[in-house]
Structure formats: C-alpha cells, structure tokens
Protein backbone atom coordinates (compact mmCIF):
# COMPACT_ATOMS: atom_id res chain seq x y z
CA MET A 1 146.06 56.79 119.13
CA GLY A 2 144.96 58.75 121.98
CA LYS A 3 144.90 59.88 125.24
CA ALA A 4 144.32 56.78 127.77
CA PRO A 5 142.01 57.78 130.26
CA ASP A 6 143.80 59.40 133.34
CA GLU A 7 143.91 56.79 136.27
CA PRO A 8 141.86 57.24 139.43
CA SER A 9 143.29 59.71 141.62
CA SER A 10 143.26 56.80 144.13
CA SER A 11 146.11 55.34 142.72
CA GLY A 12 148.61 58.02 143.79
CA ARG A 13 150.08 58.39 140.43
CA PRO A 14 150.09 61.54 138.66
CA ASN A 15 147.17 61.55 135.81
CA SER A 16 148.53 62.08 132.00
CA GLU A 17 148.16 65.89 132.11
CA SER A 18 149.46 66.55 135.44
CA ARG A 19 152.37 64.31 133.99
CA GLY A 20 153.15 66.10 130.77
CA ALA A 21 153.04 69.65 132.81
CA LEU A 22 156.02 68.06 135.25
CA GLY A 23 157.60 66.38 132.06
CA ILE A 24 158.10 69.88 130.93
CA LEU A 25 159.16 71.42 133.75
CA ALA A 26 161.64 68.55 134.13
CA CYS A 27 162.56 69.73 130.51
CA LEU A 28 163.44 73.14 131.63
CA ALA A 29 165.16 72.56 135.05
CA ALA A 30 166.86 69.81 132.90
CA CYS A 31 168.73 72.24 130.30
CA VAL A 32 169.82 74.80 132.88
CA PRO A 33 173.13 73.21 134.17
CA PHE A 34 174.09 71.99 130.85
CA LEU A 35 173.97 75.77 129.60
CA PHE A 36 175.54 76.99 132.94
CA ASN A 37 178.39 74.68 132.64
CA PHE A 38 178.62 75.17 128.94
CA VAL A 39 178.83 79.08 129.62
CA ALA A 40 181.38 78.48 132.58
CA TRP A 41 183.60 76.21 130.84
CA THR A 42 183.92 77.46 126.90
CA ALA A 43 182.97 81.02 127.02
CA SER A 44 184.73 82.26 129.75
CA SER A 45 187.74 83.21 127.34
CA TYR A 46 189.09 83.75 123.86
CA ASP A 47 191.70 80.67 124.66
CA ARG A 48 189.09 78.92 121.58
CA VAL A 49 189.40 81.50 118.90
CA GLN A 50 192.85 82.10 118.42
CA LYS A 51 194.88 81.07 115.68
CA LEU A 52 193.05 77.92 115.49
CA ARG A 53 193.22 76.38 112.21
CA ARG A 54 189.50 74.56 111.65
CA TYR A 55 187.69 77.27 113.19
CA GLY A 56 188.97 79.32 111.19
CA GLU A 57 188.81 77.42 108.17
CA ASP A 58 184.65 77.56 108.92
CA MET A 59 184.89 80.89 109.85
CA SER A 60 186.72 81.85 106.40
CA VAL A 61 184.18 80.28 104.26
CA ALA A 62 180.55 81.07 106.63
CA THR A 63 182.24 84.78 106.15
CA THR A 64 183.28 84.99 102.70
CA SER A 65 179.90 83.50 101.83
CA TYR A 66 177.69 85.69 103.82
CA LEU A 67 179.88 89.51 102.40
CA GLU A 68 180.01 88.12 98.89
CA ARG A 69 175.82 88.20 99.39
CA ARG A 70 175.26 91.08 100.22
CA GLU A 71 178.69 92.90 98.18
CA PRO A 72 179.52 90.41 95.49
CA THR A 73 183.60 90.47 94.77
CA GLY A 74 183.35 88.70 91.23
CA SER A 75 186.30 86.49 92.07
CA PRO A 76 186.47 83.21 91.55
CA ALA A 77 185.84 80.47 94.06
CA ILE A 78 189.17 79.05 96.11
CA LYS A 79 189.32 76.21 98.36
CA LEU A 80 190.55 76.23 101.50
CA SER A 81 193.81 74.79 100.50
CA SER A 82 195.02 77.49 99.07
CA ILE A 83 198.03 79.97 100.37
CA ALA A 84 195.31 82.95 99.70
CA ALA A 85 192.71 81.36 101.54
CA GLN A 86 194.93 80.35 104.40
CA ARG A 87 196.35 84.12 104.85
CA TYR A 88 192.71 85.34 105.29
CA GLY A 89 192.07 83.25 107.42
CA LEU A 90 194.71 83.73 109.95
CA GLY A 91 193.96 87.53 109.19
CA LEU A 92 189.93 86.90 109.97
CA GLN A 93 191.07 85.51 112.70
CA ALA A 94 193.59 88.52 114.30
CA THR A 95 191.04 91.28 112.90
CA MET A 96 187.73 89.67 114.78
CA LEU A 97 189.93 89.29 117.69
CA LYS A 98 190.68 92.88 117.96
CA GLU A 99 187.49 94.04 117.44
CA GLU A 100 186.25 91.54 119.77
CA GLN A 101 188.44 92.89 122.94
CA GLN A 102 187.98 96.47 121.73
CA LEU A 103 184.13 96.67 121.84
CA GLY A 104 183.92 93.96 124.84
CA LEU A 105 182.27 91.07 122.70
CA ARG A 106 182.21 88.50 125.66
CA PRO A 107 182.42 84.95 124.29
CA TRP A 108 178.69 84.22 125.61
CA GLN A 109 177.59 86.55 123.63
CA PHE A 110 176.89 84.36 120.45
CA TRP A 111 174.41 86.98 118.68
CA ARG A 112 176.54 89.72 119.25
CA THR A 113 178.39 90.70 115.38
CA LEU A 114 180.84 92.79 114.66
CA PRO A 115 180.24 96.30 112.62
CA VAL A 116 183.26 96.00 110.75
CA ASP A 117 183.90 94.12 107.53
CA SER A 118 186.85 91.36 107.20
CA PRO A 119 190.04 92.10 105.80
CA VAL A 120 189.96 92.29 101.87
CA ARG A 121 188.56 88.50 100.85
CA PRO A 122 190.50 87.30 97.54
CA GLY A 123 186.66 85.96 96.75
CA PRO A 124 184.47 83.27 97.95
CA ILE A 125 186.10 80.75 100.05
CA VAL A 126 185.05 76.84 99.78
CA HIS A 127 185.83 73.50 101.42
CA ARG A 128 188.26 70.93 100.30
CA ASN A 129 186.94 68.10 98.63
CA ASN A 130 187.62 65.99 102.18
CA ASP A 131 185.91 68.66 104.43
CA ASP A 132 182.62 68.82 106.35
CA VAL A 133 180.57 71.74 105.52
CA GLY A 134 178.05 71.87 108.04
CA ARG A 135 178.93 73.81 110.24
CA ALA A 136 180.32 76.59 108.16
CA TRP A 137 176.61 76.57 106.41
CA LEU A 138 174.86 76.54 109.55
CA ALA A 139 177.17 79.87 110.77
CA GLU A 140 176.36 81.41 107.27
CA LEU A 141 172.86 81.12 108.16
CA GLY A 142 172.83 82.12 111.57
CA PHE A 143 175.21 85.18 109.94
CA ARG A 144 171.97 86.36 107.35
CA LEU A 145 170.21 85.99 110.16
CA LEU A 146 171.77 88.64 112.92
CA GLY A 147 172.77 90.65 109.86
CA GLY A 148 176.18 90.67 110.37
CA VAL A 149 178.90 88.52 111.47
CA ALA A 150 178.69 86.91 114.76
CA PRO A 151 182.38 85.63 115.83
CA PHE A 152 181.25 83.26 118.65
CA LEU A 153 178.55 81.55 117.47
CA LEU A 154 180.30 79.27 114.99
CA LEU A 155 181.46 77.70 118.76
CA TRP A 156 177.59 77.52 120.05
CA LEU A 157 176.16 75.50 117.29
CA ALA A 158 176.20 72.57 118.29
CA ALA A 159 175.14 73.47 122.17
CA LEU A 160 172.19 75.23 120.92
CA ALA A 161 171.44 72.40 118.53
CA CYS A 162 171.74 70.08 121.97
CA VAL A 163 169.82 71.98 123.94
CA PRO A 164 166.43 71.19 122.29
CA VAL A 165 167.56 67.52 121.54
CA LEU A 166 168.58 66.94 125.44
CA GLY A 167 164.66 68.34 126.27
CA TRP A 168 163.80 65.89 124.20
CA MET A 169 164.66 62.84 125.83
CA VAL A 170 163.97 64.40 129.31
CA TRP A 171 160.63 64.33 127.57
CA GLU A 172 159.90 60.91 126.35
CA LEU A 173 161.50 59.67 129.62
CA ALA A 174 159.03 61.77 131.30
CA GLY A 175 156.41 60.98 129.26
CA ALA A 176 157.55 56.76 129.59
CA GLY A 177 156.72 57.17 133.49
CA HIS A 178 160.87 57.86 134.37
CA VAL A 179 161.01 61.52 135.00
CA VAL A 180 163.95 60.89 137.88
CA ALA A 181 165.94 59.16 135.16
CA GLY A 182 165.54 62.04 132.59
CA VAL A 183 166.14 64.90 135.14
CA VAL A 184 169.44 62.38 136.37
CA PHE A 185 170.44 61.99 132.61
CA ALA A 186 170.17 65.74 131.19
CA ILE A 187 172.85 66.60 134.78
CA ALA A 188 174.87 63.93 133.93
CA CYS A 189 175.36 65.18 130.36
CA ALA A 190 175.62 68.25 131.98
CA CYS A 191 178.22 67.63 134.04
CA SER A 192 180.62 65.62 131.84
CA PRO A 193 183.37 67.93 130.60
CA PHE A 194 183.83 65.76 127.67
CA PHE A 195 179.90 66.24 126.74
CA VAL A 196 179.56 69.94 127.38
CA GLU A 197 183.46 71.24 125.71
CA SER A 198 183.13 68.92 122.79
CA MET A 199 179.72 70.97 121.53
CA ALA A 200 182.50 74.06 121.19
CA LEU A 201 185.68 72.36 120.30
CA PRO A 202 187.06 74.63 117.39
CA TYR A 203 188.86 71.55 116.44
CA SER A 204 186.26 69.47 114.59
CA ALA A 205 182.13 70.04 114.78
CA PHE A 206 182.34 66.58 116.61
CA GLY A 207 179.64 68.07 119.43
CA PHE A 208 177.40 67.46 116.36
CA TYR A 209 178.03 63.81 116.28
CA LEU A 210 177.11 64.04 120.34
CA VAL A 211 173.28 65.67 119.34
CA GLY A 212 173.23 62.90 116.71
CA LEU A 213 173.74 59.83 119.02
CA LEU A 214 171.77 61.85 121.90
CA ALA A 215 168.64 61.87 119.73
CA ILE A 216 168.67 58.25 117.94
CA ALA A 217 168.67 57.47 122.34
CA ALA A 218 165.79 60.29 122.56
CA PHE A 219 164.16 57.63 119.85
CA ALA A 220 165.33 54.33 121.52
CA VAL A 221 163.08 55.56 124.55
CA PHE A 222 159.96 56.37 122.31
CA ALA A 223 159.88 53.22 120.56
CA ILE A 224 161.13 50.96 123.16
CA MET A 225 159.98 52.46 126.26
CA ARG A 226 156.31 54.66 125.98
CA ILE A 227 152.89 53.48 124.52
CA PRO A 228 153.37 51.57 121.20
CA ASP A 229 151.37 54.04 118.08
CA ALA A 230 152.55 53.89 114.72
CA ARG A 231 151.53 57.61 114.50
CA GLY A 232 153.99 58.76 117.37
CA PHE A 233 156.24 56.82 116.27
CA LEU A 234 156.60 58.11 112.33
CA LEU A 235 156.18 61.39 113.03
CA ARG A 236 159.26 61.04 115.47
CA ALA A 237 161.07 59.52 112.51
CA LEU A 238 160.27 62.43 110.71
CA ALA A 239 161.26 64.92 113.16
CA LEU A 240 164.65 62.81 113.61
CA GLY A 241 165.57 63.09 109.28
CA PRO A 242 166.00 66.65 109.46
CA LEU A 243 168.20 66.61 112.41
CA LEU A 244 169.93 63.95 111.53
CA ALA A 245 171.05 65.51 108.19
CA VAL A 246 171.71 68.66 109.50
CA CYS A 247 174.73 66.02 112.32
CA ALA A 248 175.74 64.26 109.24
CA LEU A 249 176.96 67.39 106.88
CA CYS A 250 178.22 69.28 110.19
CA ARG A 251 179.52 65.52 111.12
CA ASP A 252 179.60 62.72 108.49
CA GLY A 253 180.24 60.42 111.24
CA ILE A 254 177.00 59.96 112.47
CA LEU A 255 176.04 58.34 109.65
CA LEU A 256 177.70 54.79 111.05
CA ALA A 257 175.51 55.71 114.21
CA LEU A 258 172.96 54.26 111.35
CA PRO A 259 172.71 50.64 112.79
CA GLY A 260 171.73 51.43 116.51
CA LEU A 261 168.71 53.66 115.09
CA LEU A 262 167.79 50.39 113.03
CA LEU A 263 167.31 48.40 115.90
CA ALA A 264 165.35 50.92 117.77
CA MET A 265 162.65 51.04 114.80
CA MET A 266 162.61 47.25 114.69
CA LEU A 267 161.71 47.04 118.33
CA GLY A 268 159.44 49.93 118.50
CA ALA A 269 157.32 48.19 114.81
CA ARG A 270 157.90 45.05 116.94
CA ARG A 271 155.64 46.14 119.88
CA ILE A 272 153.51 47.93 117.42
CA VAL A 273 152.13 45.44 115.56
CA ALA A 274 151.58 43.20 118.67
CA VAL A 275 149.76 45.25 120.25
CA PRO A 276 145.36 43.61 119.34
CA ALA A 277 144.12 47.37 118.79
CA ALA A 278 146.03 47.96 115.80
CA ALA A 279 145.64 44.95 114.29
CA VAL A 280 144.69 45.16 110.18
CA SER A 281 144.67 42.54 107.77
CA GLY A 282 147.83 40.99 106.45
CA PRO A 283 151.02 39.34 108.68
CA ARG A 284 152.08 40.96 111.29
CA TRP A 285 155.67 40.94 110.34
CA ARG A 286 155.09 41.94 106.62
CA ARG A 287 153.49 45.48 108.81
CA GLY A 288 156.16 45.15 110.94
CA LEU A 289 158.61 45.75 107.63
CA GLY A 290 156.63 47.92 106.12
CA LEU A 291 156.86 49.94 109.25
CA VAL A 292 160.46 49.66 109.99
CA LEU A 293 161.02 51.10 105.86
CA LEU A 294 158.63 53.98 106.47
CA GLY A 295 160.50 54.96 109.88
CA PHE A 296 163.96 54.76 108.09
CA VAL A 297 163.71 56.30 104.58
CA ALA A 298 161.99 59.45 106.91
CA ALA A 299 164.82 59.27 109.39
CA ALA A 300 166.97 58.91 106.10
CA LEU A 301 165.64 61.02 103.23
CA PRO A 302 166.74 64.81 104.25
CA TYR A 303 170.54 63.63 104.60
CA ALA A 304 169.96 61.96 100.74
CA LEU A 305 168.61 64.57 99.60
CA ALA A 306 170.40 67.02 101.42
CA ARG A 307 173.82 65.62 100.65
CA SER A 308 177.27 67.92 100.45
CA PRO A 309 178.89 66.82 97.15
CA THR A 310 182.26 67.11 99.54
CA HIS A 311 182.76 64.13 102.19
CA HIS A 312 185.62 62.88 104.16
CA GLU A 313 187.79 60.42 102.65
CA ILE A 314 187.28 56.63 103.86
CA TRP A 315 190.35 54.45 103.00
CA THR A 316 193.14 57.18 104.21
CA GLY A 317 191.35 57.02 108.02
CA VAL A 318 191.02 53.32 107.67
CA TRP A 319 194.55 52.75 106.83
CA GLU A 320 195.44 55.35 109.75
CA GLY A 321 193.04 53.97 111.76
CA LEU A 322 194.63 50.68 112.16
CA GLY A 323 197.39 52.18 114.05
CA ASP A 324 195.85 51.89 117.04
CA PHE A 325 196.69 48.30 117.55
CA ASP A 326 198.24 47.03 114.77
CA ARG A 327 201.66 46.08 115.66
CA THR A 328 203.15 44.47 112.73
CA LYS A 329 202.33 45.75 109.12
CA GLY A 330 203.01 49.12 109.34
CA HIS A 331 199.44 50.97 109.70
CA VAL A 332 200.57 54.19 111.77
CA TRP A 333 197.53 56.95 113.28
CA SER A 334 199.60 59.75 111.33
CA ASP A 335 198.61 61.91 108.58
CA ALA A 336 202.39 62.08 108.17
CA VAL A 337 203.06 58.35 107.86
CA ALA A 338 200.44 58.30 105.43
CA VAL A 339 201.88 61.38 103.10
CA LYS A 340 205.12 59.04 103.07
CA VAL A 341 203.49 55.90 102.21
CA LEU A 342 201.94 57.83 99.39
CA THR A 343 204.60 59.61 97.44
CA ASP A 344 206.54 56.77 97.97
CA ALA A 345 203.96 54.99 95.69
CA GLY A 346 204.49 58.09 92.91
CA LEU A 347 201.20 59.74 93.99
CA ASP A 348 201.23 63.56 94.43
CA PRO A 349 204.26 63.80 92.35
CA GLY A 350 203.77 67.80 91.98
CA VAL A 351 203.14 68.07 95.54
CA PRO A 352 206.12 69.36 98.02
CA THR A 353 205.96 66.97 101.03
CA ALA A 354 205.35 69.68 102.88
CA VAL A 355 202.24 69.74 102.19
CA GLU A 356 199.59 68.70 105.04
CA MET A 357 197.23 65.49 104.77
CA PHE A 358 194.17 67.89 104.80
CA ASP A 359 195.28 69.92 102.20
CA ARG A 360 195.98 66.78 99.94
CA GLU A 361 193.07 65.91 97.54
CA LEU A 362 192.86 62.38 99.31
CA SER A 363 189.03 61.71 98.59
CA SER A 364 190.67 61.87 95.02
CA PRO A 365 188.95 58.28 93.43
CA GLU A 366 192.68 57.34 93.13
CA LYS A 367 194.22 58.03 96.73
CA GLU A 368 190.79 56.27 97.99
CA ALA A 369 191.71 53.25 95.79
CA PHE A 370 195.33 53.02 96.54
CA PHE A 371 194.60 53.11 100.68
CA ARG A 372 192.08 50.58 99.85
CA ARG A 373 193.88 48.59 98.29
CA LEU A 374 196.34 48.30 100.72
CA VAL A 375 193.63 48.01 103.55
CA LEU A 376 191.99 44.70 101.57
CA GLU A 377 195.69 43.45 101.16
CA ASP A 378 196.42 43.08 104.65
CA VAL A 379 193.15 41.87 105.67
CA ARG A 380 192.87 38.74 102.62
CA SER A 381 196.38 37.88 103.72
CA ASP A 382 195.42 37.56 107.59
CA PRO A 383 191.83 37.45 108.38
CA LEU A 384 192.76 37.04 111.62
CA TRP A 385 194.89 40.03 112.56
CA PHE A 386 191.84 41.98 111.72
CA LEU A 387 189.43 40.44 113.73
CA THR A 388 191.49 40.09 116.36
CA ILE A 389 192.07 44.39 116.04
CA LEU A 390 187.90 44.64 115.58
CA GLY A 391 187.72 42.87 118.81
CA LYS A 392 190.06 44.70 120.63
CA ARG A 393 188.61 47.83 119.21
CA VAL A 394 184.94 46.82 120.70
CA VAL A 395 186.40 46.16 124.50
CA ALA A 396 188.45 49.28 124.01
CA THR A 397 185.57 51.40 123.77
CA VAL A 398 183.01 49.56 125.69
CA THR A 399 185.26 49.85 128.30
CA GLN A 400 187.09 53.18 128.27
CA ASP A 401 190.06 51.51 129.10
CA GLU A 402 192.53 53.51 127.18
CA LEU A 403 191.48 56.29 129.49
CA LEU A 404 193.63 54.44 131.96
CA VAL A 405 196.94 55.44 129.80
CA LEU A 406 196.26 58.19 127.56
CA GLY A 407 193.62 59.99 129.80
CA GLY A 408 192.57 63.49 129.05
CA ARG A 409 192.99 67.07 130.16
CA SER A 410 192.83 65.41 133.59
CA ALA A 411 193.80 66.56 137.33
CA PRO A 412 197.25 67.18 138.06
CA SER A 413 197.20 64.14 140.48
CA GLU A 414 196.38 61.79 137.91
CA GLN A 415 198.11 62.63 135.28
CA ALA A 416 201.18 60.68 136.49
CA ARG A 417 199.26 57.82 136.48
CA ARG A 418 197.35 57.73 132.92
CA GLY A 419 198.74 61.39 131.80
CA ARG A 420 200.90 62.28 129.28
CA GLY A 421 203.96 59.91 130.79
CA ALA A 422 202.37 56.95 130.12
CA PRO A 423 204.07 55.42 127.09
CA ILE A 424 202.26 53.80 124.07
CA SER A 425 203.16 52.51 121.07
CA PRO A 426 204.74 54.62 117.81
CA ASN A 427 201.94 53.23 115.72
CA GLN A 428 199.24 55.23 117.27
CA GLY A 429 201.12 58.01 116.36
CA ARG A 430 198.79 61.39 117.44
CA ILE A 431 196.20 59.46 119.66
CA ARG A 432 197.62 61.48 122.78
CA PHE A 433 196.54 64.57 120.77
CA PHE A 434 192.93 63.29 120.03
CA TYR A 435 192.48 62.35 123.50
CA HIS A 436 193.75 65.85 125.16
CA LEU A 437 191.42 68.21 122.85
CA VAL A 438 189.02 67.59 125.24
CA PRO A 439 188.33 66.64 129.03
CA SER A 440 188.45 62.73 129.63
CA ALA A 441 185.07 61.07 128.96
CA ALA A 442 185.58 59.67 132.98
CA SER A 443 186.06 63.16 134.53
CA VAL A 444 182.46 65.29 135.81
CA GLY A 445 182.46 69.06 137.13
CA LEU A 446 180.16 71.93 138.20
CA GLY A 447 181.22 75.28 137.66
CA PRO A 448 184.75 75.87 138.91
CA TRP A 449 185.00 71.95 140.49
CA ARG A 450 186.22 69.30 138.46
CA LEU A 451 187.48 66.27 139.23
CA ALA A 452 188.78 63.32 137.09
CA LEU A 453 187.06 59.78 138.08
CA PRO A 454 188.88 56.37 138.11
CA VAL A 455 187.56 54.62 134.79
CA GLY A 456 186.30 51.74 137.07
CA VAL A 457 183.32 53.92 138.13
CA LEU A 458 181.64 53.75 135.05
CA TRP A 459 182.46 49.96 135.04
CA ALA A 460 181.01 49.71 138.78
CA VAL A 461 177.93 51.96 136.98
CA GLY A 462 177.49 49.63 134.05
CA ALA A 463 177.39 46.43 136.72
CA ALA A 464 174.52 48.15 138.54
CA PHE A 465 172.38 48.48 135.84
CA VAL A 466 172.74 44.94 134.91
CA TYR A 467 172.36 44.33 138.59
CA ALA A 468 169.38 46.28 138.66
CA ALA A 469 167.57 45.30 135.38
CA VAL A 470 168.00 41.49 136.44
CA ARG A 471 166.36 42.30 139.71
CA ASP A 472 163.49 44.80 137.65
CA GLN A 473 161.23 41.59 137.21
CA GLU A 474 158.49 43.78 136.44
CA GLY A 475 160.20 46.05 134.14
CA ARG A 476 159.49 49.15 135.67
CA GLY A 477 162.44 50.51 134.16
CA PRO A 478 166.20 48.78 134.48
CA ARG A 479 165.12 46.11 132.30
CA PRO A 480 163.46 48.02 129.24
CA ALA A 481 166.10 50.89 129.30
CA LEU A 482 168.91 47.93 128.54
CA SER A 483 167.34 47.19 125.08
CA VAL A 484 167.62 51.35 125.09
CA ALA A 485 171.22 51.21 125.92
CA ALA A 486 171.44 49.00 123.60
CA CYS A 487 170.52 50.98 120.62
CA VAL A 488 173.00 53.66 122.15
CA ALA A 489 175.36 51.23 121.91
CA GLY A 490 174.62 50.48 118.76
CA SER A 491 175.36 53.78 117.23
CA ALA A 492 178.17 54.47 119.44
CA LEU A 493 180.38 51.28 118.30
CA PRO A 494 180.49 51.16 114.70
CA LEU A 495 182.72 54.05 113.90
CA PRO A 496 185.31 53.07 116.54
CA VAL A 497 185.04 49.45 115.65
CA LEU A 498 185.33 50.13 111.96
CA ILE A 499 187.66 53.05 111.63
CA THR A 500 189.45 53.15 114.35
CA THR A 501 189.66 54.32 118.32
CA ALA A 502 192.58 56.55 117.63
CA GLY A 503 189.96 59.85 116.96
CA ALA A 504 189.40 59.26 120.46
CA LEU A 505 185.90 61.36 120.40
CA GLU A 506 184.00 58.83 118.78
CA THR A 507 185.68 56.25 121.21
CA GLU A 508 184.97 58.24 124.20
CA ALA A 509 181.24 58.75 123.09
CA PHE A 510 180.00 55.49 124.43
CA VAL A 511 180.11 57.47 127.80
CA LEU A 512 176.52 58.06 126.42
CA VAL A 513 175.28 54.48 127.44
CA TYR A 514 177.25 54.57 130.84
CA LEU A 515 175.14 58.45 131.74
CA LEU A 516 172.17 56.38 130.66
CA ALA A 517 172.84 53.68 133.16
CA PHE A 518 174.17 55.61 135.72
CA ALA A 519 170.36 57.58 135.64
CA PHE A 520 168.22 54.29 135.35
CA VAL A 521 170.14 53.08 138.54
CA VAL A 522 169.54 56.31 140.35
CA GLU A 523 165.74 55.70 139.88
CA TRP A 524 165.93 52.13 140.66
CA ILE A 525 167.09 53.40 143.82
CA TRP A 526 165.26 55.79 144.81
CA ARG A 527 162.48 54.20 143.80
CA GLU A 528 163.71 51.00 146.28
CA GLY A 529 164.08 53.16 148.83
CA ARG A 530 161.31 54.92 148.73
CA ALA A 531 159.25 51.27 148.64
CA GLU A 532 161.08 50.23 151.39
CA PHE A 533 160.78 53.87 153.50
CA SER A 534 157.32 53.15 153.05
CA GLY A 535 156.89 49.87 154.02
CA ARG A 536 156.07 48.15 151.17
CA ALA A 537 157.20 46.83 147.93
CA PRO A 538 157.31 48.18 144.51
CA THR A 539 153.65 46.76 143.03
CA LYS A 540 153.47 45.25 139.49
CA LYS A 541 152.00 47.78 137.25
CA THR A 542 148.60 46.80 135.55
CA ASN A 543 148.29 47.19 132.02
CA HIS A 544 145.91 50.04 132.35
CA GLU A 545 148.86 51.67 134.66
CA SER A 546 151.51 51.25 132.40
CA GLY A 547 148.94 52.89 129.12
CA SER A 548 148.24 55.57 131.64
CA ASP A 549 151.96 56.52 132.81
CA ASN A 550 152.88 56.55 129.08
CA ALA A 551 150.01 58.36 127.99
CA VAL A 552 151.73 61.66 127.34
CA THR A 553 150.89 63.11 123.92
CA ALA A 554 151.45 59.79 123.11
CA GLY A 555 149.96 60.57 119.63
CA CYS A 556 152.23 63.52 119.18
C-alpha cells in the first residue's frame, strides 16, 4: 500500500512525513532512559559475575568454543555436568574477575576483551541435553566479532536485543498516531526495575523472553492499529521470525507465547481482507486464512530451521510446577523432591543422590515418560483439581497477587508486609527464591531512586484502562488498544498457566500488559485534557484522517 496523501495543513495534524520524523525522534528518545537505568542498575559493580553458576556455564561454553576455533586442542567435547567442566567454569570466572579489576574493565564496557587466555581448558565444553544454548552461541559470536573474550558481553546481550525492539514498538505506536502512548510505554519499561534488571540476569536468559513478548506486542500494534496492509503484514512477520528464533534459542519458553501472536495475525488479517481496495476473487475468509498461514509460517520457520537438539525437559517442570497450588497430591516446586521421586522409583540408580537435578539427563525419553505418567494419572483421577489449579494460575498471573506475599527485592519498609517473613506453603518449595531474582514487577525506579508500589496500583491501572476504552466511543486509542493488550496477554498467559506460576519471572512478565494499559491511560488523559482546555470535545476521525494518521511507511 502506498503512502496516503498528506492531510491539509488546516487540519492541525502533522502530515505523514512530519509524523515519520516524529516517530524516529520518539524511538531515539524513548530508548535513552532504558540504557541509562540499565547501566545504573546492572553495570555498576562486579556482583553479577562472581561465582554464578549459569553465567559461568554460558561463559565456559562460549569461551571454549571461541578458543577452540583459534587453537584446537583436539580433545573430545565434554558436557557441562562433568566435574572437569565445572572446575573450568569456576577457574574461568576467578581468572576473568582478577583480570577485569587489574585492567580496569568496567561492567558497562561490554565491548572490551581480555588480553590473556583462560585457564587450561579440558577441550570444548557443550551444553547438557536440557539446556538453552542461545545465549552462549550469541556470546561466542560476539567474541569472534570483537576478537577476544569480552567478560561482560553476555550480560548485555538481551539489552542489546531489547533496544531495537523497544524502538520498533514506539515506531508502530507513533505510526498509528499514538506518539504519547509509545513514549510513555517505553519510559514505563525503562523505569521498571523488573524489566530492566531481567535483561542482565545471570541466572538465566529470561531477558530474551521479555524481548520476544515485546516483539509480539509491536507486531500486534501494526496488525490492529495501523492501516490494513498485506505487504507490511507479511514483511513484519518475516522480520519477526528470526527475532523469535533467537529468543527461543535463548529461552525456549517464548514458544508458548505463540497463541498471542496467532490472535494478532487473525485480527490483522480480518482487517486487511475487509478493505474494499484489497478485494480480489475468492471468499474473504479463505484469503484471510491464507494470510494468517503465510504470516505464521514466516514467523515460525526460522526457529524450526535453527532449532537446537538440546531443549528443556517438559514434564519434570510440569510435575514440579503443580506445587504452586497443589496441596493434596505431593507436587512440590523443588528439584530435590523431584530427584527423590526419581530415585525412589528406581531411576538413575547409578547416579549419586548428591548430584543436582540440572546435572541429570532429565530430557531423556525414560524420565519424560515417568513424569508425564505421574501428571496424567493425577489429572485423570481428579480433573476438577487440575482445572482449579489452572483457574488459580490465571487469577494469580493477571492480578499478580502473589507479590503480596513473595514480593521481590522490595524496599525494607515493604518486606514485613509482603516479604521474606510472610508464610508460604511447603508445596511451593523454592518459589521465594525465584521471586527474589529480580525486583518486584510492581516496583518503579530511576537511577538511584527506587519505590515498591502496592500491587493495587496495577489493578487501578487496569481498571482505568477498561474505563477509558468504554469511554472511547470514537475508537481513538484505548478501545483498539484493548485488542493489542489481549494479544500480549495471550502471549504472556500460556506459560504460567500451563506450566507453573512458581517460576515467578514468566508470571511477572504479565506486567507488560499493565505497562501498555498505563501508556494508553496517560495518553487518553492527555488528549481529554487538551480537548477540555481548548473548550471543544475530541472529534471523531474521518476515514481520510485515520488513514493519514497511520500512513507512516505503511508498506514497510
């Protein structure tokens, strides 16, 4: 679809060219607070790289892979679960930390490399069969581009991926005529300690899960709020595919976000085939279905082609995860309990009980079948029990009410009410550990300032968003944004509902829906205030105005 004609200057609205320039400026300005807080909160000390298992493991894989390309040892590959690999990882972290401090490398200098080689390596180190491999692969690629081992690059990978995706989200909102909402959303993400610190989480590559959700949200904005355009729809699906593939390789839980993407594609295709100018021969439903299929294949094919042979086990997590609300059937969110269940059943007879869960071959068909049988037996024996748990998970994810008990790294004044002292069920096992990996999703901050908000603030934002959508009779923002929010919710809900809320991080990722709602509430208040101040009610857009407002590179 070509660019729509510019609006007359008498309309008082920017034409498409000026709106495009405004969108670019909004993208650039909106990303600055994110980078500022990321450096201030995650790159100001060495705390995040001292003897951290998963940071050390990914660095071991990336470093040995890079060095083996330069100077092959000829030794066979060993898995991370081996004693030699674990010893190398600890030695590598100690060596890097010493060199970083001696050379004056700062954690925000992700591009700087170490001039010396790592400790004597036992050969190439490879992941276990149940590990996500993407973060180590990206780090090794970065080492090759930089010409050396960069110790802080691994903690910057998700943030570097997030910046252009956040800019994309702002660009789509600006192109839809919602510059204010776009800038407010980006600033809200930047001022969310949960969102920002997750990008540099050493424990896991969870930041890429958030990047994937953000990319789906950006696609949904185009599909639902901008000019219906089949070419732009498919081009964005093609661009989304490699991005989601990278996110899935780093954090495969993002694959469960595909229902929200499918919903966005269905809504977008319905709008496209409804445009008379786009009419061609054949029923509309068939053309819409074809567009959805093409878009979904474009988005899913890159991961199907690049999929790693290693992947997380499924049924072990499902069995443990039922401990979030099970109180009668013995499910516990604890690796130690799962190990005991395995050994009591006669599995892993030759493995010492001291070996931790993540060092066992949990993705083997034998163990997957064992835990699948346990889960299905419980579900078949008591379907109502299972459906009740699913319902409680939906409520817990949407309302974020578990923050009332588990908090996050909240302010000391908040901890007595909702922090470490609050009681939890034994079935929830280590749930508190995961809720304290990063600050609470209900916290806000800027630089050294940090505030843990009551969870009720999120509920108030959600209620205000629904109220604004009801009042939005002209469909100027909050009403169509409800569909975008539904797509984001459809992406954020499946993992905590189908697997568990006890992992905390994916449960709290639902806060993106609230941040989007907040952005449109602020814009709605701003527009209503401007209209009230000027003494006139907001006018309903004509078809020509709506098309011009949204025609910023519609075919791109």
